[in-house]
Amino acid sequence: MGKYDAGRKRKNQIHFFVSDEELETLHKNMLRCRIDSVSKYCRKMSISGYVLVIDDSKELKEFTYEINKIGGNINQIAHALNAGQSVSQETIAQIKDWLVTIWQYQRYILSGTPF
């Protein structure tokens, strides 16, 4: 064990060579992903195969709003059921519609595909 290994979380090194063009592409991709370390970027890409970057955008705020809205309604339904009340098929259908909307927002945010 070398003097730099003590207390190190990652003790295994991997070495490989890249061309100038590959290195330039790697650095451009790191910037796009907002990762400031070649080691972090290569580790993330080799293990996960992708880096997900989500901005605090309008779409994300709308997505959060939709989730909160459904959560509130589910909570109301749970209270009604616990109090022995029934829930209408219309209410259940509305929740299903909201879930579809959430999945559409998620697909748009994660892939940029419009819905």
PDB file of N, CA and C in Angstrom:
ATOM      1  N   MET A   1       0.860  -1.176   0.000  1.00  0.00           N
ATOM      2  CA  MET A   1       0.000   0.000   0.000  1.00  0.00           C
ATOM      3  C   MET A   1       0.901   1.233   0.000  1.00  0.00           C
ATOM      4  N   GLY A   2       0.678   2.133  -0.945  1.00  0.00           N
ATOM      5  CA  GLY A   2       1.488   3.339  -1.038  1.00  0.00           C
ATOM      6  C   GLY A   2       1.082   4.394  -0.022  1.00  0.00           C
ATOM      7  N   LYS A   3       1.900   5.423   0.067  1.00  0.00           N
ATOM      8  CA  LYS A   3       1.627   6.464   1.060  1.00  0.00           C
ATOM      9  C   LYS A   3       0.366   7.264   0.739  1.00  0.00           C
ATOM     10  N   TYR A   4      -0.105   7.242  -0.502  1.00  0.00           N
ATOM     11  CA  TYR A   4      -1.304   8.000  -0.874  1.00  0.00           C
ATOM     12  C   TYR A   4      -2.584   7.168  -0.767  1.00  0.00           C
ATOM     13  N   ASP A   5      -2.450   5.879  -0.474  1.00  0.00           N
ATOM     14  CA  ASP A   5      -3.609   4.997  -0.416  1.00  0.00           C
ATOM     15  C   ASP A   5      -4.369   5.063   0.907  1.00  0.00           C
ATOM     16  N   ALA A   6      -3.734   5.467   1.969  1.00  0.00           N
ATOM     17  CA  ALA A   6      -4.378   5.496   3.285  1.00  0.00           C
ATOM     18  C   ALA A   6      -5.569   6.450   3.275  1.00  0.00           C
ATOM     19  N   GLY A   7      -6.717   5.937   3.654  1.00  0.00           N
ATOM     20  CA  GLY A   7      -7.918   6.768   3.725  1.00  0.00           C
ATOM     21  C   GLY A   7      -8.565   7.056   2.384  1.00  0.00           C
ATOM     22  N   ARG A   8      -8.034   6.537   1.315  1.00  0.00           N
ATOM     23  CA  ARG A   8      -8.586   6.781  -0.022  1.00  0.00           C
ATOM     24  C   ARG A   8      -9.770   5.865  -0.258  1.00  0.00           C
ATOM     25  N   LYS A   9     -10.879   6.443  -0.716  1.00  0.00           N
ATOM     26  CA  LYS A   9     -12.083   5.659  -1.001  1.00  0.00           C
ATOM     27  C   LYS A   9     -11.885   4.785  -2.231  1.00  0.00           C
ATOM     28  N   ARG A  10     -11.279   5.353  -3.246  1.00  0.00           N
ATOM     29  CA  ARG A  10     -11.043   4.640  -4.501  1.00  0.00           C
ATOM     30  C   ARG A  10      -9.554   4.334  -4.612  1.00  0.00           C
ATOM     31  N   LYS A  11      -9.202   3.078  -4.529  1.00  0.00           N
ATOM     32  CA  LYS A  11      -7.787   2.690  -4.495  1.00  0.00           C
ATOM     33  C   LYS A  11      -7.293   2.109  -5.812  1.00  0.00           C
ATOM     34  N   ASN A  12      -8.192   1.885  -6.764  1.00  0.00           N
ATOM     35  CA  ASN A  12      -7.820   1.271  -8.031  1.00  0.00           C
ATOM     36  C   ASN A  12      -7.711   2.334  -9.117  1.00  0.00           C
ATOM     37  N   GLN A  13      -6.621   2.293  -9.862  1.00  0.00           N
ATOM     38  CA  GLN A  13      -6.418   3.235 -10.955  1.00  0.00           C
ATOM     39  C   GLN A  13      -6.636   2.541 -12.285  1.00  0.00           C
ATOM     40  N   ILE A  14      -7.145   3.302 -13.246  1.00  0.00           N
ATOM     41  CA  ILE A  14      -7.281   2.831 -14.618  1.00  0.00           C
ATOM     42  C   ILE A  14      -6.580   3.857 -15.495  1.00  0.00           C
ATOM     43  N   HIS A  15      -5.711   3.396 -16.367  1.00  0.00           N
ATOM     44  CA  HIS A  15      -4.981   4.293 -17.265  1.00  0.00           C
ATOM     45  C   HIS A  15      -5.364   3.957 -18.707  1.00  0.00           C
ATOM     46  N   PHE A  16      -5.597   5.000 -19.515  1.00  0.00           N
ATOM     47  CA  PHE A  16      -5.813   4.778 -20.937  1.00  0.00           C
ATOM     48  C   PHE A  16      -5.434   6.044 -21.692  1.00  0.00           C
ATOM     49  N   PHE A  17      -5.220   5.889 -22.976  1.00  0.00           N
ATOM     50  CA  PHE A  17      -4.780   6.993 -23.804  1.00  0.00           C
ATOM     51  C   PHE A  17      -5.892   7.419 -24.749  1.00  0.00           C
ATOM     52  N   VAL A  18      -5.928   8.716 -25.051  1.00  0.00           N
ATOM     53  CA  VAL A  18      -6.882   9.271 -26.006  1.00  0.00           C
ATOM     54  C   VAL A  18      -6.134  10.174 -26.973  1.00  0.00           C
ATOM     55  N   SER A  19      -6.726  10.367 -28.135  1.00  0.00           N
ATOM     56  CA  SER A  19      -6.135  11.274 -29.116  1.00  0.00           C
ATOM     57  C   SER A  19      -6.441  12.718 -28.707  1.00  0.00           C
ATOM     58  N   ASP A  20      -5.817  13.669 -29.392  1.00  0.00           N
ATOM     59  CA  ASP A  20      -6.091  15.088 -29.114  1.00  0.00           C
ATOM     60  C   ASP A  20      -7.570  15.415 -29.356  1.00  0.00           C
ATOM     61  N   GLU A  21      -8.113  14.857 -30.431  1.00  0.00           N
ATOM     62  CA  GLU A  21      -9.511  15.112 -30.757  1.00  0.00           C
ATOM     63  C   GLU A  21     -10.441  14.518 -29.696  1.00  0.00           C
ATOM     64  N   GLU A  22     -10.119  13.306 -29.257  1.00  0.00           N
ATOM     65  CA  GLU A  22     -10.930  12.667 -28.220  1.00  0.00           C
ATOM     66  C   GLU A  22     -10.873  13.453 -26.908  1.00  0.00           C
ATOM     67  N   LEU A  23      -9.682  13.954 -26.568  1.00  0.00           N
ATOM     68  CA  LEU A  23      -9.538  14.744 -25.352  1.00  0.00           C
ATOM     69  C   LEU A  23     -10.338  16.039 -25.446  1.00  0.00           C
ATOM     70  N   GLU A  24     -10.312  16.668 -26.603  1.00  0.00           N
ATOM     71  CA  GLU A  24     -11.088  17.903 -26.805  1.00  0.00           C
ATOM     72  C   GLU A  24     -12.588  17.618 -26.671  1.00  0.00           C
ATOM     73  N   THR A  25     -13.040  16.533 -27.272  1.00  0.00           N
ATOM     74  CA  THR A  25     -14.454  16.145 -27.163  1.00  0.00           C
ATOM     75  C   THR A  25     -14.820  15.848 -25.720  1.00  0.00           C
ATOM     76  N   LEU A  26     -13.936  15.138 -25.014  1.00  0.00           N
ATOM     77  CA  LEU A  26     -14.175  14.820 -23.612  1.00  0.00           C
ATOM     78  C   LEU A  26     -14.339  16.098 -22.792  1.00  0.00           C
ATOM     79  N   HIS A  27     -13.460  17.062 -22.999  1.00  0.00           N
ATOM     80  CA  HIS A  27     -13.554  18.329 -22.257  1.00  0.00           C
ATOM     81  C   HIS A  27     -14.824  19.111 -22.610  1.00  0.00           C
ATOM     82  N   LYS A  28     -15.214  19.109 -23.872  1.00  0.00           N
ATOM     83  CA  LYS A  28     -16.456  19.785 -24.268  1.00  0.00           C
ATOM     84  C   LYS A  28     -17.657  19.133 -23.595  1.00  0.00           C
ATOM     85  N   ASN A  29     -17.668  17.796 -23.573  1.00  0.00           N
ATOM     86  CA  ASN A  29     -18.777  17.082 -22.933  1.00  0.00           C
ATOM     87  C   ASN A  29     -18.806  17.332 -21.430  1.00  0.00           C
ATOM     88  N   MET A  30     -17.636  17.418 -20.824  1.00  0.00           N
ATOM     89  CA  MET A  30     -17.568  17.724 -19.392  1.00  0.00           C
ATOM     90  C   MET A  30     -18.187  19.091 -19.102  1.00  0.00           C
ATOM     91  N   LEU A  31     -17.858  20.067 -19.934  1.00  0.00           N
ATOM     92  CA  LEU A  31     -18.412  21.414 -19.749  1.00  0.00           C
ATOM     93  C   LEU A  31     -19.930  21.415 -19.889  1.00  0.00           C
ATOM     94  N   ARG A  32     -20.423  20.702 -20.917  1.00  0.00           N
ATOM     95  CA  ARG A  32     -21.872  20.617 -21.117  1.00  0.00           C
ATOM     96  C   ARG A  32     -22.562  19.971 -19.927  1.00  0.00           C
ATOM     97  N   CYS A  33     -21.894  18.998 -19.313  1.00  0.00           N
ATOM     98  CA  CYS A  33     -22.468  18.282 -18.169  1.00  0.00           C
ATOM     99  C   CYS A  33     -22.177  18.971 -16.843  1.00  0.00           C
ATOM    100  N   ARG A  34     -21.413  20.035 -16.894  1.00  0.00           N
ATOM    101  CA  ARG A  34     -21.044  20.793 -15.683  1.00  0.00           C
ATOM    102  C   ARG A  34     -20.260  19.937 -14.692  1.00  0.00           C
ATOM    103  N   ILE A  35     -19.375  19.118 -15.218  1.00  0.00           N
ATOM    104  CA  ILE A  35     -18.492  18.304 -14.378  1.00  0.00           C
ATOM    105  C   ILE A  35     -17.089  18.870 -14.540  1.00  0.00           C
ATOM    106  N   ASP A  36     -16.425  19.134 -13.421  1.00  0.00           N
ATOM    107  CA  ASP A  36     -15.144  19.834 -13.452  1.00  0.00           C
ATOM    108  C   ASP A  36     -13.926  18.923 -13.318  1.00  0.00           C
ATOM    109  N   SER A  37     -14.128  17.625 -13.361  1.00  0.00           N
ATOM    110  CA  SER A  37     -13.018  16.694 -13.184  1.00  0.00           C
ATOM    111  C   SER A  37     -13.111  15.583 -14.227  1.00  0.00           C
ATOM    112  N   VAL A  38     -11.999  15.340 -14.918  1.00  0.00           N
ATOM    113  CA  VAL A  38     -11.953  14.258 -15.900  1.00  0.00           C
ATOM    114  C   VAL A  38     -12.260  12.936 -15.215  1.00  0.00           C
ATOM    115  N   SER A  39     -11.720  12.757 -14.026  1.00  0.00           N
ATOM    116  CA  SER A  39     -11.940  11.529 -13.275  1.00  0.00           C
ATOM    117  C   SER A  39     -13.423  11.319 -12.978  1.00  0.00           C
ATOM    118  N   LYS A  40     -14.104  12.362 -12.493  1.00  0.00           N
ATOM    119  CA  LYS A  40     -15.539  12.261 -12.181  1.00  0.00           C
ATOM    120  C   LYS A  40     -16.338  11.944 -13.440  1.00  0.00           C
ATOM    121  N   TYR A  41     -16.010  12.654 -14.533  1.00  0.00           N
ATOM    122  CA  TYR A  41     -16.748  12.462 -15.778  1.00  0.00           C
ATOM    123  C   TYR A  41     -16.561  11.034 -16.314  1.00  0.00           C
ATOM    124  N   CYS A  42     -15.325  10.571 -16.380  1.00  0.00           N
ATOM    125  CA  CYS A  42     -15.059   9.225 -16.904  1.00  0.00           C
ATOM    126  C   CYS A  42     -15.684   8.160 -16.022  1.00  0.00           C
ATOM    127  N   ARG A  43     -15.640   8.356 -14.710  1.00  0.00           N
ATOM    128  CA  ARG A  43     -16.238   7.384 -13.793  1.00  0.00           C
ATOM    129  C   ARG A  43     -17.755   7.327 -14.010  1.00  0.00           C
ATOM    130  N   LYS A  44     -18.395   8.481 -14.073  1.00  0.00           N
ATOM    131  CA  LYS A  44     -19.846   8.533 -14.266  1.00  0.00           C
ATOM    132  C   LYS A  44     -20.247   7.911 -15.597  1.00  0.00           C
ATOM    133  N   MET A  45     -19.550   8.265 -16.662  1.00  0.00           N
ATOM    134  CA  MET A  45     -19.892   7.745 -17.982  1.00  0.00           C
ATOM    135  C   MET A  45     -19.626   6.248 -18.091  1.00  0.00           C
ATOM    136  N   SER A  46     -18.548   5.771 -17.488  1.00  0.00           N
ATOM    137  CA  SER A  46     -18.233   4.346 -17.617  1.00  0.00           C
ATOM    138  C   SER A  46     -19.165   3.477 -16.780  1.00  0.00           C
ATOM    139  N   ILE A  47     -19.656   4.003 -15.674  1.00  0.00           N
ATOM    140  CA  ILE A  47     -20.540   3.215 -14.811  1.00  0.00           C
ATOM    141  C   ILE A  47     -21.999   3.359 -15.237  1.00  0.00           C
ATOM    142  N   SER A  48     -22.449   4.598 -15.473  1.00  0.00           N
ATOM    143  CA  SER A  48     -23.859   4.830 -15.793  1.00  0.00           C
ATOM    144  C   SER A  48     -24.138   4.876 -17.290  1.00  0.00           C
ATOM    145  N   GLY A  49     -23.174   5.313 -18.060  1.00  0.00           N
ATOM    146  CA  GLY A  49     -23.373   5.446 -19.498  1.00  0.00           C
ATOM    147  C   GLY A  49     -23.975   6.774 -19.907  1.00  0.00           C
ATOM    148  N   TYR A  50     -24.298   7.624 -18.934  1.00  0.00           N
ATOM    149  CA  TYR A  50     -24.858   8.932 -19.232  1.00  0.00           C
ATOM    150  C   TYR A  50     -24.688   9.848 -18.026  1.00  0.00           C
ATOM    151  N   VAL A  51     -24.813  11.155 -18.300  1.00  0.00           N
ATOM    152  CA  VAL A  51     -24.839  12.150 -17.239  1.00  0.00           C
ATOM    153  C   VAL A  51     -26.113  12.944 -17.440  1.00  0.00           C
ATOM    154  N   LEU A  52     -26.929  13.024 -16.412  1.00  0.00           N
ATOM    155  CA  LEU A  52     -28.190  13.740 -16.492  1.00  0.00           C
ATOM    156  C   LEU A  52     -28.024  15.110 -15.868  1.00  0.00           C
ATOM    157  N   VAL A  53     -28.298  16.170 -16.658  1.00  0.00           N
ATOM    158  CA  VAL A  53     -28.212  17.545 -16.172  1.00  0.00           C
ATOM    159  C   VAL A  53     -29.608  18.138 -16.257  1.00  0.00           C
ATOM    160  N   ILE A  54     -30.143  18.556 -15.116  1.00  0.00           N
ATOM    161  CA  ILE A  54     -31.473  19.159 -15.088  1.00  0.00           C
ATOM    162  C   ILE A  54     -31.339  20.593 -14.596  1.00  0.00           C
ATOM    163  N   ASP A  55     -31.786  21.531 -15.416  1.00  0.00           N
ATOM    164  CA  ASP A  55     -31.782  22.930 -15.027  1.00  0.00           C
ATOM    165  C   ASP A  55     -33.029  23.241 -14.215  1.00  0.00           C
ATOM    166  N   ASP A  56     -32.951  24.282 -13.410  1.00  0.00           N
ATOM    167  CA  ASP A  56     -34.123  24.744 -12.676  1.00  0.00           C
ATOM    168  C   ASP A  56     -34.948  25.590 -13.645  1.00  0.00           C
ATOM    169  N   SER A  57     -35.683  24.906 -14.513  1.00  0.00           N
ATOM    170  CA  SER A  57     -36.392  25.579 -15.594  1.00  0.00           C
ATOM    171  C   SER A  57     -37.892  25.611 -15.349  1.00  0.00           C
ATOM    172  N   LYS A  58     -38.566  26.273 -16.254  1.00  0.00           N
ATOM    173  CA  LYS A  58     -40.021  26.371 -16.191  1.00  0.00           C
ATOM    174  C   LYS A  58     -40.662  24.988 -16.212  1.00  0.00           C
ATOM    175  N   GLU A  59     -40.141  24.107 -17.065  1.00  0.00           N
ATOM    176  CA  GLU A  59     -40.700  22.764 -17.177  1.00  0.00           C
ATOM    177  C   GLU A  59     -40.574  21.999 -15.864  1.00  0.00           C
ATOM    178  N   LEU A  60     -39.441  22.149 -15.197  1.00  0.00           N
ATOM    179  CA  LEU A  60     -39.237  21.458 -13.928  1.00  0.00           C
ATOM    180  C   LEU A  60     -40.190  21.992 -12.862  1.00  0.00           C
ATOM    181  N   LYS A  61     -40.419  23.300 -12.860  1.00  0.00           N
ATOM    182  CA  LYS A  61     -41.359  23.892 -11.898  1.00  0.00           C
ATOM    183  C   LYS A  61     -42.786  23.408 -12.168  1.00  0.00           C
ATOM    184  N   GLU A  62     -43.159  23.297 -13.441  1.00  0.00           N
ATOM    185  CA  GLU A  62     -44.487  22.787 -13.787  1.00  0.00           C
ATOM    186  C   GLU A  62     -44.623  21.324 -13.382  1.00  0.00           C
ATOM    187  N   PHE A  63     -43.563  20.571 -13.586  1.00  0.00           N
ATOM    188  CA  PHE A  63     -43.543  19.163 -13.198  1.00  0.00           C
ATOM    189  C   PHE A  63     -43.749  19.024 -11.688  1.00  0.00           C
ATOM    190  N   THR A  64     -43.030  19.821 -10.923  1.00  0.00           N
ATOM    191  CA  THR A  64     -43.156  19.802  -9.466  1.00  0.00           C
ATOM    192  C   THR A  64     -44.567  20.193  -9.047  1.00  0.00           C
ATOM    193  N   TYR A  65     -45.148  21.184  -9.711  1.00  0.00           N
ATOM    194  CA  TYR A  65     -46.522  21.612  -9.414  1.00  0.00           C
ATOM    195  C   TYR A  65     -47.504  20.465  -9.632  1.00  0.00           C
ATOM    196  N   GLU A  66     -47.358  19.767 -10.756  1.00  0.00           N
ATOM    197  CA  GLU A  66     -48.266  18.652 -11.059  1.00  0.00           C
ATOM    198  C   GLU A  66     -48.136  17.537 -10.018  1.00  0.00           C
ATOM    199  N   ILE A  67     -46.922  17.240  -9.626  1.00  0.00           N
ATOM    200  CA  ILE A  67     -46.720  16.203  -8.608  1.00  0.00           C
ATOM    201  C   ILE A  67     -47.367  16.611  -7.294  1.00  0.00           C
ATOM    202  N   ASN A  68     -47.174  17.857  -6.888  1.00  0.00           N
ATOM    203  CA  ASN A  68     -47.772  18.344  -5.640  1.00  0.00           C
ATOM    204  C   ASN A  68     -49.296  18.307  -5.696  1.00  0.00           C
ATOM    205  N   LYS A  69     -49.841  18.643  -6.846  1.00  0.00           N
ATOM    206  CA  LYS A  69     -51.295  18.639  -7.007  1.00  0.00           C
ATOM    207  C   LYS A  69     -51.853  17.221  -6.839  1.00  0.00           C
ATOM    208  N   ILE A  70     -51.200  16.269  -7.470  1.00  0.00           N
ATOM    209  CA  ILE A  70     -51.651  14.886  -7.352  1.00  0.00           C
ATOM    210  C   ILE A  70     -51.467  14.391  -5.925  1.00  0.00           C
ATOM    211  N   GLY A  71     -50.351  14.739  -5.314  1.00  0.00           N
ATOM    212  CA  GLY A  71     -50.114  14.331  -3.932  1.00  0.00           C
ATOM    213  C   GLY A  71     -51.192  14.842  -2.999  1.00  0.00           C
ATOM    214  N   GLY A  72     -51.615  16.080  -3.187  1.00  0.00           N
ATOM    215  CA  GLY A  72     -52.697  16.647  -2.366  1.00  0.00           C
ATOM    216  C   GLY A  72     -53.996  15.900  -2.564  1.00  0.00           C
ATOM    217  N   ASN A  73     -54.300  15.582  -3.804  1.00  0.00           N
ATOM    218  CA  ASN A  73     -55.543  14.861  -4.080  1.00  0.00           C
ATOM    219  C   ASN A  73     -55.515  13.434  -3.542  1.00  0.00           C
ATOM    220  N   ILE A  74     -54.383  12.787  -3.662  1.00  0.00           N
ATOM    221  CA  ILE A  74     -54.272  11.433  -3.111  1.00  0.00           C
ATOM    222  C   ILE A  74     -54.434  11.475  -1.598  1.00  0.00           C
ATOM    223  N   ASN A  75     -53.882  12.488  -0.968  1.00  0.00           N
ATOM    224  CA  ASN A  75     -54.027  12.647   0.473  1.00  0.00           C
ATOM    225  C   ASN A  75     -55.501  12.838   0.852  1.00  0.00           C
ATOM    226  N   GLN A  76     -56.225  13.636   0.098  1.00  0.00           N
ATOM    227  CA  GLN A  76     -57.661  13.835   0.360  1.00  0.00           C
ATOM    228  C   GLN A  76     -58.432  12.524   0.194  1.00  0.00           C
ATOM    229  N   ILE A  77     -58.082  11.760  -0.821  1.00  0.00           N
ATOM    230  CA  ILE A  77     -58.743  10.474  -1.044  1.00  0.00           C
ATOM    231  C   ILE A  77     -58.452   9.525   0.118  1.00  0.00           C
ATOM    232  N   ALA A  78     -57.204   9.502   0.563  1.00  0.00           N
ATOM    233  CA  ALA A  78     -56.845   8.630   1.687  1.00  0.00           C
ATOM    234  C   ALA A  78     -57.639   9.010   2.935  1.00  0.00           C
ATOM    235  N   HIS A  79     -57.783  10.305   3.195  1.00  0.00           N
ATOM    236  CA  HIS A  79     -58.577  10.748   4.354  1.00  0.00           C
ATOM    237  C   HIS A  79     -60.032  10.308   4.211  1.00  0.00           C
ATOM    238  N   ALA A  80     -60.587  10.445   3.004  1.00  0.00           N
ATOM    239  CA  ALA A  80     -61.980  10.062   2.770  1.00  0.00           C
ATOM    240  C   ALA A  80     -62.166   8.564   2.976  1.00  0.00           C
ATOM    241  N   LEU A  81     -61.245   7.773   2.438  1.00  0.00           N
ATOM    242  CA  LEU A  81     -61.360   6.326   2.590  1.00  0.00           C
ATOM    243  C   LEU A  81     -61.209   5.906   4.051  1.00  0.00           C
ATOM    244  N   ASN A  82     -60.294   6.547   4.762  1.00  0.00           N
ATOM    245  CA  ASN A  82     -60.114   6.237   6.185  1.00  0.00           C
ATOM    246  C   ASN A  82     -61.330   6.634   7.018  1.00  0.00           C
ATOM    247  N   ALA A  83     -62.088   7.607   6.530  1.00  0.00           N
ATOM    248  CA  ALA A  83     -63.297   8.037   7.238  1.00  0.00           C
ATOM    249  C   ALA A  83     -64.522   7.228   6.800  1.00  0.00           C
ATOM    250  N   GLY A  84     -64.303   6.202   5.939  1.00  0.00           N
ATOM    251  CA  GLY A  84     -65.397   5.342   5.504  1.00  0.00           C
ATOM    252  C   GLY A  84     -66.175   5.866   4.323  1.00  0.00           C
ATOM    253  N   GLN A  85     -65.706   6.932   3.692  1.00  0.00           N
ATOM    254  CA  GLN A  85     -66.386   7.482   2.517  1.00  0.00           C
ATOM    255  C   GLN A  85     -65.927   6.739   1.263  1.00  0.00           C
ATOM    256  N   SER A  86     -66.724   6.835   0.220  1.00  0.00           N
ATOM    257  CA  SER A  86     -66.337   6.207  -1.051  1.00  0.00           C
ATOM    258  C   SER A  86     -65.730   7.272  -1.965  1.00  0.00           C
ATOM    259  N   VAL A  87     -64.979   6.811  -2.939  1.00  0.00           N
ATOM    260  CA  VAL A  87     -64.348   7.697  -3.908  1.00  0.00           C
ATOM    261  C   VAL A  87     -64.957   7.397  -5.267  1.00  0.00           C
ATOM    262  N   SER A  88     -65.344   8.450  -5.969  1.00  0.00           N
ATOM    263  CA  SER A  88     -66.029   8.258  -7.250  1.00  0.00           C
ATOM    264  C   SER A  88     -65.060   7.804  -8.343  1.00  0.00           C
ATOM    265  N   GLN A  89     -65.624   7.143  -9.346  1.00  0.00           N
ATOM    266  CA  GLN A  89     -64.834   6.728 -10.506  1.00  0.00           C
ATOM    267  C   GLN A  89     -64.288   7.949 -11.242  1.00  0.00           C
ATOM    268  N   GLU A  90     -65.047   9.051 -11.188  1.00  0.00           N
ATOM    269  CA  GLU A  90     -64.611  10.292 -11.837  1.00  0.00           C
ATOM    270  C   GLU A  90     -63.326  10.816 -11.191  1.00  0.00           C
ATOM    271  N   THR A  91     -63.251  10.750  -9.870  1.00  0.00           N
ATOM    272  CA  THR A  91     -62.056  11.189  -9.155  1.00  0.00           C
ATOM    273  C   THR A  91     -60.865  10.314  -9.510  1.00  0.00           C
ATOM    274  N   ILE A  92     -61.083   9.019  -9.576  1.00  0.00           N
ATOM    275  CA  ILE A  92     -60.007   8.095  -9.938  1.00  0.00           C
ATOM    276  C   ILE A  92     -59.550   8.361 -11.370  1.00  0.00           C
ATOM    277  N   ALA A  93     -60.488   8.620 -12.272  1.00  0.00           N
ATOM    278  CA  ALA A  93     -60.142   8.924 -13.662  1.00  0.00           C
ATOM    279  C   ALA A  93     -59.330  10.221 -13.748  1.00  0.00           C
ATOM    280  N   GLN A  94     -59.685  11.210 -12.937  1.00  0.00           N
ATOM    281  CA  GLN A  94     -58.949  12.477 -12.927  1.00  0.00           C
ATOM    282  C   GLN A  94     -57.501  12.262 -12.481  1.00  0.00           C
ATOM    283  N   ILE A  95     -57.320  11.437 -11.470  1.00  0.00           N
ATOM    284  CA  ILE A  95     -55.968  11.156 -10.988  1.00  0.00           C
ATOM    285  C   ILE A  95     -55.161  10.440 -12.075  1.00  0.00           C
ATOM    286  N   LYS A  96     -55.801   9.508 -12.780  1.00  0.00           N
ATOM    287  CA  LYS A  96     -55.109   8.822 -13.870  1.00  0.00           C
ATOM    288  C   LYS A  96     -54.687   9.816 -14.953  1.00  0.00           C
ATOM    289  N   ASP A  97     -55.556  10.792 -15.248  1.00  0.00           N
ATOM    290  CA  ASP A  97     -55.206  11.827 -16.231  1.00  0.00           C
ATOM    291  C   ASP A  97     -54.005  12.646 -15.763  1.00  0.00           C
ATOM    292  N   TRP A  98     -53.993  12.982 -14.480  1.00  0.00           N
ATOM    293  CA  TRP A  98     -52.862  13.738 -13.940  1.00  0.00           C
ATOM    294  C   TRP A  98     -51.570  12.933 -14.015  1.00  0.00           C
ATOM    295  N   LEU A  99     -51.668  11.636 -13.753  1.00  0.00           N
ATOM    296  CA  LEU A  99     -50.478  10.787 -13.840  1.00  0.00           C
ATOM    297  C   LEU A  99     -49.928  10.761 -15.270  1.00  0.00           C
ATOM    298  N   VAL A 100     -50.821  10.716 -16.249  1.00  0.00           N
ATOM    299  CA  VAL A 100     -50.385  10.767 -17.645  1.00  0.00           C
ATOM    300  C   VAL A 100     -49.653  12.080 -17.905  1.00  0.00           C
ATOM    301  N   THR A 101     -50.193  13.176 -17.380  1.00  0.00           N
ATOM    302  CA  THR A 101     -49.552  14.482 -17.549  1.00  0.00           C
ATOM    303  C   THR A 101     -48.162  14.488 -16.925  1.00  0.00           C
ATOM    304  N   ILE A 102     -48.040  13.906 -15.750  1.00  0.00           N
ATOM    305  CA  ILE A 102     -46.732  13.849 -15.088  1.00  0.00           C
ATOM    306  C   ILE A 102     -45.738  13.062 -15.927  1.00  0.00           C
ATOM    307  N   TRP A 103     -46.158  11.907 -16.444  1.00  0.00           N
ATOM    308  CA  TRP A 103     -45.247  11.114 -17.270  1.00  0.00           C
ATOM    309  C   TRP A 103     -44.846  11.880 -18.519  1.00  0.00           C
ATOM    310  N   GLN A 104     -45.769  12.665 -19.090  1.00  0.00           N
ATOM    311  CA  GLN A 104     -45.437  13.469 -20.266  1.00  0.00           C
ATOM    312  C   GLN A 104     -44.416  14.552 -19.914  1.00  0.00           C
ATOM    313  N   TYR A 105     -44.623  15.237 -18.795  1.00  0.00           N
ATOM    314  CA  TYR A 105     -43.654  16.241 -18.351  1.00  0.00           C
ATOM    315  C   TYR A 105     -42.288  15.604 -18.124  1.00  0.00           C
ATOM    316  N   GLN A 106     -42.288  14.458 -17.471  1.00  0.00           N
ATOM    317  CA  GLN A 106     -41.021  13.792 -17.195  1.00  0.00           C
ATOM    318  C   GLN A 106     -40.304  13.431 -18.492  1.00  0.00           C
ATOM    319  N   ARG A 107     -41.028  12.879 -19.435  1.00  0.00           N
ATOM    320  CA  ARG A 107     -40.436  12.514 -20.737  1.00  0.00           C
ATOM    321  C   ARG A 107     -39.867  13.747 -21.415  1.00  0.00           C
ATOM    322  N   TYR A 108     -40.596  14.863 -21.357  1.00  0.00           N
ATOM    323  CA  TYR A 108     -40.128  16.098 -21.983  1.00  0.00           C
ATOM    324  C   TYR A 108     -38.873  16.625 -21.298  1.00  0.00           C
ATOM    325  N   ILE A 109     -38.889  16.645 -19.983  1.00  0.00           N
ATOM    326  CA  ILE A 109     -37.751  17.185 -19.245  1.00  0.00           C
ATOM    327  C   ILE A 109     -36.502  16.331 -19.452  1.00  0.00           C
ATOM    328  N   LEU A 110     -36.648  15.021 -19.404  1.00  0.00           N
ATOM    329  CA  LEU A 110     -35.491  14.146 -19.493  1.00  0.00           C
ATOM    330  C   LEU A 110     -34.966  13.961 -20.911  1.00  0.00           C
ATOM    331  N   SER A 111     -35.823  14.078 -21.913  1.00  0.00           N
ATOM    332  CA  SER A 111     -35.366  13.811 -23.268  1.00  0.00           C
ATOM    333  C   SER A 111     -35.479  15.009 -24.198  1.00  0.00           C
ATOM    334  N   GLY A 112     -36.199  16.030 -23.794  1.00  0.00           N
ATOM    335  CA  GLY A 112     -36.405  17.183 -24.672  1.00  0.00           C
ATOM    336  C   GLY A 112     -37.454  16.936 -25.729  1.00  0.00           C
ATOM    337  N   THR A 113     -38.158  15.799 -25.647  1.00  0.00           N
ATOM    338  CA  THR A 113     -39.196  15.464 -26.612  1.00  0.00           C
ATOM    339  C   THR A 113     -40.500  16.146 -26.220  1.00  0.00           C
ATOM    340  N   PRO A 114     -41.064  16.969 -27.083  1.00  0.00           N
ATOM    341  CA  PRO A 114     -42.324  17.641 -26.725  1.00  0.00           C
ATOM    342  C   PRO A 114     -43.474  16.647 -26.589  1.00  0.00           C
ATOM    343  N   PHE A 115     -44.456  17.037 -25.796  1.00  0.00           N
ATOM    344  CA  PHE A 115     -45.614  16.159 -25.610  1.00  0.00           C
ATOM    345  C   PHE A 115     -46.862  16.799 -26.149  1.00  0.00           C
TER     346      PHE A 115
END
